[in-house]
């Protein structure tokens, strides 16, 4: 399986893992970009927001989970995609990739690891430990909202082109 296909497979498994029943109370976005338009923008593959509850203080006390997908060893060793800016941060990769790089991860005290097994299920290998998020709550929520809106508009355009027959 090539790198792109592996990334898609891991992404679908992660989406299913995060929100298996398509619950609208689960707040997730993919490809969330921060510092857009700066010299050093960063993009997190997936972000999840878990409010404590739906009160103002519960939202303010919520946690952000960041997930970085690594499709192969070269992807792991690239300078891109090690953007751990949430309260809890995870790598997500195949078991084969994990077997090759696990010694490089074990010294990172805060980053957790999910592994995709041969059956297509994600298993947590190492739990992430809480760390201080890098951006304030309101900015992080806005960046997630912007990314979710981008995906929504993209799906509307795809539906429109299918109904027009211009696929």
Protein backbone atom coordinates (compact mmCIF):
# COMPACT_ATOMS: atom_id res chain seq x y z
CA UNK A 1 0.00 0.00 0.00
CA UNK A 2 1.43 3.42 -0.93
CA UNK A 3 1.83 6.37 1.44
CA UNK A 4 -1.33 8.20 0.35
CA UNK A 5 -3.51 5.09 0.64
CA UNK A 6 -2.04 4.33 4.06
CA UNK A 7 -2.76 7.88 5.24
CA UNK A 8 -6.38 7.58 4.04
CA UNK A 9 -6.79 4.22 5.79
CA UNK A 10 -5.38 5.57 9.08
CA UNK A 11 -7.51 8.74 8.77
CA UNK A 12 -10.73 6.78 8.30
CA UNK A 13 -9.91 4.55 11.26
CA UNK A 14 -9.17 7.59 13.43
CA UNK A 15 -12.41 9.33 12.43
CA UNK A 16 -14.35 6.17 13.25
CA UNK A 17 -12.49 5.83 16.55
CA UNK A 18 -13.12 9.44 17.60
CA UNK A 19 -16.77 9.52 16.56
CA UNK A 20 -18.12 6.02 15.85
CA UNK A 21 -21.81 7.03 15.92
CA UNK A 22 -21.55 10.41 14.14
CA UNK A 23 -22.49 12.18 17.37
CA UNK A 24 -22.97 15.94 16.81
CA UNK A 25 -21.73 16.59 20.34
CA UNK A 26 -18.24 15.45 19.37
CA UNK A 27 -16.23 18.38 18.07
CA UNK A 28 -13.57 17.30 15.59
CA UNK A 29 -11.78 18.98 12.71
CA UNK A 30 -9.11 17.83 10.31
CA UNK A 31 -6.18 19.72 8.86
CA UNK A 32 -6.42 22.54 11.39
CA UNK A 33 -4.04 25.35 10.49
CA UNK A 34 -2.55 27.83 12.96
CA UNK A 35 -0.55 30.96 12.21
CA UNK A 36 -2.03 30.98 8.72
CA UNK A 37 -0.32 33.58 6.55
CA UNK A 38 2.78 33.71 8.74
CA UNK A 39 6.24 32.48 7.84
CA UNK A 40 5.73 29.37 9.97
CA UNK A 41 2.17 28.07 9.73
CA UNK A 42 1.49 24.71 11.31
CA UNK A 43 -1.19 22.18 10.50
CA UNK A 44 -2.51 19.53 12.84
CA UNK A 45 -3.93 16.48 11.05
CA UNK A 46 -6.89 16.06 13.45
CA UNK A 47 -8.09 17.96 16.49
CA UNK A 48 -10.76 16.97 18.97
CA UNK A 49 -12.28 19.28 21.57
CA UNK A 50 -13.85 17.79 24.69
CA UNK A 51 -15.63 20.36 26.86
CA UNK A 52 -16.11 19.43 30.49
CA UNK A 53 -19.81 20.18 29.94
CA UNK A 54 -21.84 22.69 27.92
CA UNK A 55 -21.73 25.53 30.42
CA UNK A 56 -19.40 28.48 29.80
CA UNK A 57 -17.01 27.34 32.51
CA UNK A 58 -17.24 23.74 31.24
CA UNK A 59 -16.25 24.87 27.76
CA UNK A 60 -13.40 26.96 29.14
CA UNK A 61 -12.13 23.91 31.06
CA UNK A 62 -12.30 21.67 27.99
CA UNK A 63 -9.38 19.77 26.52
CA UNK A 64 -7.91 19.70 23.02
CA UNK A 65 -6.55 16.46 21.60
CA UNK A 66 -4.17 16.59 18.62
CA UNK A 67 -3.52 13.63 16.35
CA UNK A 68 -0.64 13.46 13.89
CA UNK A 69 -0.86 10.70 11.29
CA UNK A 70 2.39 9.05 10.26
CA UNK A 71 2.02 6.72 7.30
CA UNK A 72 5.60 5.42 7.21
CA UNK A 73 9.06 5.85 8.72
CA UNK A 74 9.99 8.56 6.19
CA UNK A 75 6.83 10.46 7.12
CA UNK A 76 7.74 10.17 10.80
CA UNK A 77 11.26 11.46 10.13
CA UNK A 78 10.09 14.38 8.01
CA UNK A 79 10.13 17.82 9.60
CA UNK A 80 6.39 18.19 8.96
CA UNK A 81 3.57 17.09 11.18
CA UNK A 82 4.99 17.01 14.68
CA UNK A 83 2.63 19.77 15.77
CA UNK A 84 1.74 18.92 19.33
CA UNK A 85 -0.13 21.98 20.51
CA UNK A 86 -3.03 20.43 22.43
CA UNK A 87 -3.60 19.37 26.01
CA UNK A 88 -3.17 15.75 24.88
CA UNK A 89 -1.18 14.80 21.77
CA UNK A 90 -0.94 11.56 19.82
CA UNK A 91 0.84 9.96 16.90
CA UNK A 92 -1.35 7.61 14.86
CA UNK A 93 0.41 5.04 12.66
CA UNK A 94 0.43 1.47 11.42
CA UNK A 95 1.86 -1.26 13.62
CA UNK A 96 4.68 -1.76 11.09
CA UNK A 97 5.72 1.88 11.32
CA UNK A 98 5.48 1.82 15.10
CA UNK A 99 7.71 -1.27 15.31
CA UNK A 100 10.42 0.60 13.40
CA UNK A 101 10.32 3.89 15.32
CA UNK A 102 9.10 2.95 18.82
CA UNK A 103 12.50 3.54 20.40
CA UNK A 104 12.45 7.12 19.08
CA UNK A 105 9.09 7.83 20.74
CA UNK A 106 9.60 6.30 24.15
CA UNK A 107 11.61 9.26 25.41
CA UNK A 108 8.88 11.77 24.60
CA UNK A 109 7.09 11.85 27.93
CA UNK A 110 3.95 13.67 26.77
CA UNK A 111 3.06 12.25 23.35
CA UNK A 112 0.87 9.15 23.13
CA UNK A 113 0.60 6.60 20.34
CA UNK A 114 -2.29 4.88 18.58
CA UNK A 115 -1.50 1.98 16.27
CA UNK A 116 -3.63 0.65 13.42
CA UNK A 117 -3.52 -3.13 13.41
CA UNK A 118 -4.02 -5.44 10.44
CA UNK A 119 -7.74 -5.74 11.16
CA UNK A 120 -8.19 -1.95 10.79
CA UNK A 121 -8.70 -1.23 14.51
CA UNK A 122 -6.86 1.45 16.46
CA UNK A 123 -5.22 0.43 19.70
CA UNK A 124 -3.67 2.79 22.20
CA UNK A 125 -0.06 1.79 22.81
CA UNK A 126 0.93 4.76 24.95
CA UNK A 127 -1.41 7.24 26.66
CA UNK A 128 -0.60 10.92 26.24
CA UNK A 129 0.09 12.97 29.34
CA UNK A 130 -1.42 16.40 29.84
CA UNK A 131 0.70 19.30 28.73
CA UNK A 132 -0.04 23.00 28.41
CA UNK A 133 -1.72 23.82 25.12
CA UNK A 134 0.13 26.30 22.91
CA UNK A 135 -2.80 28.53 21.90
CA UNK A 136 -5.70 30.04 23.85
CA UNK A 137 -9.09 28.34 23.86
CA UNK A 138 -10.84 30.90 21.66
CA UNK A 139 -8.15 30.88 18.97
CA UNK A 140 -8.02 27.09 18.92
CA UNK A 141 -11.80 26.78 18.65
CA UNK A 142 -11.84 29.36 15.85
CA UNK A 143 -9.14 27.49 13.89
CA UNK A 144 -11.09 24.24 14.34
CA UNK A 145 -14.31 25.95 13.24
CA UNK A 146 -12.58 27.41 10.16
CA UNK A 147 -11.26 23.98 9.18
CA UNK A 148 -14.63 22.30 9.73
CA UNK A 149 -16.29 25.01 7.64
CA UNK A 150 -13.75 24.43 4.84
CA UNK A 151 -14.63 20.71 4.84
CA UNK A 152 -18.36 21.52 4.87
CA UNK A 153 -18.06 23.83 1.86
CA UNK A 154 -15.94 21.24 0.07
CA UNK A 155 -18.66 18.60 0.58
CA UNK A 156 -21.33 21.03 -0.66
CA UNK A 157 -19.33 21.68 -3.84
CA UNK A 158 -18.91 17.94 -4.38
CA UNK A 159 -22.65 17.37 -3.97
CA UNK A 160 -23.40 20.25 -6.32
CA UNK A 161 -21.08 18.93 -9.01
CA UNK A 162 -22.60 15.44 -8.71
CA UNK A 163 -26.12 16.82 -9.10
CA UNK A 164 -25.00 18.91 -12.10
CA UNK A 165 -23.31 15.91 -13.65
CA UNK A 166 -19.99 17.76 -13.80
CA UNK A 167 -17.97 15.29 -11.74
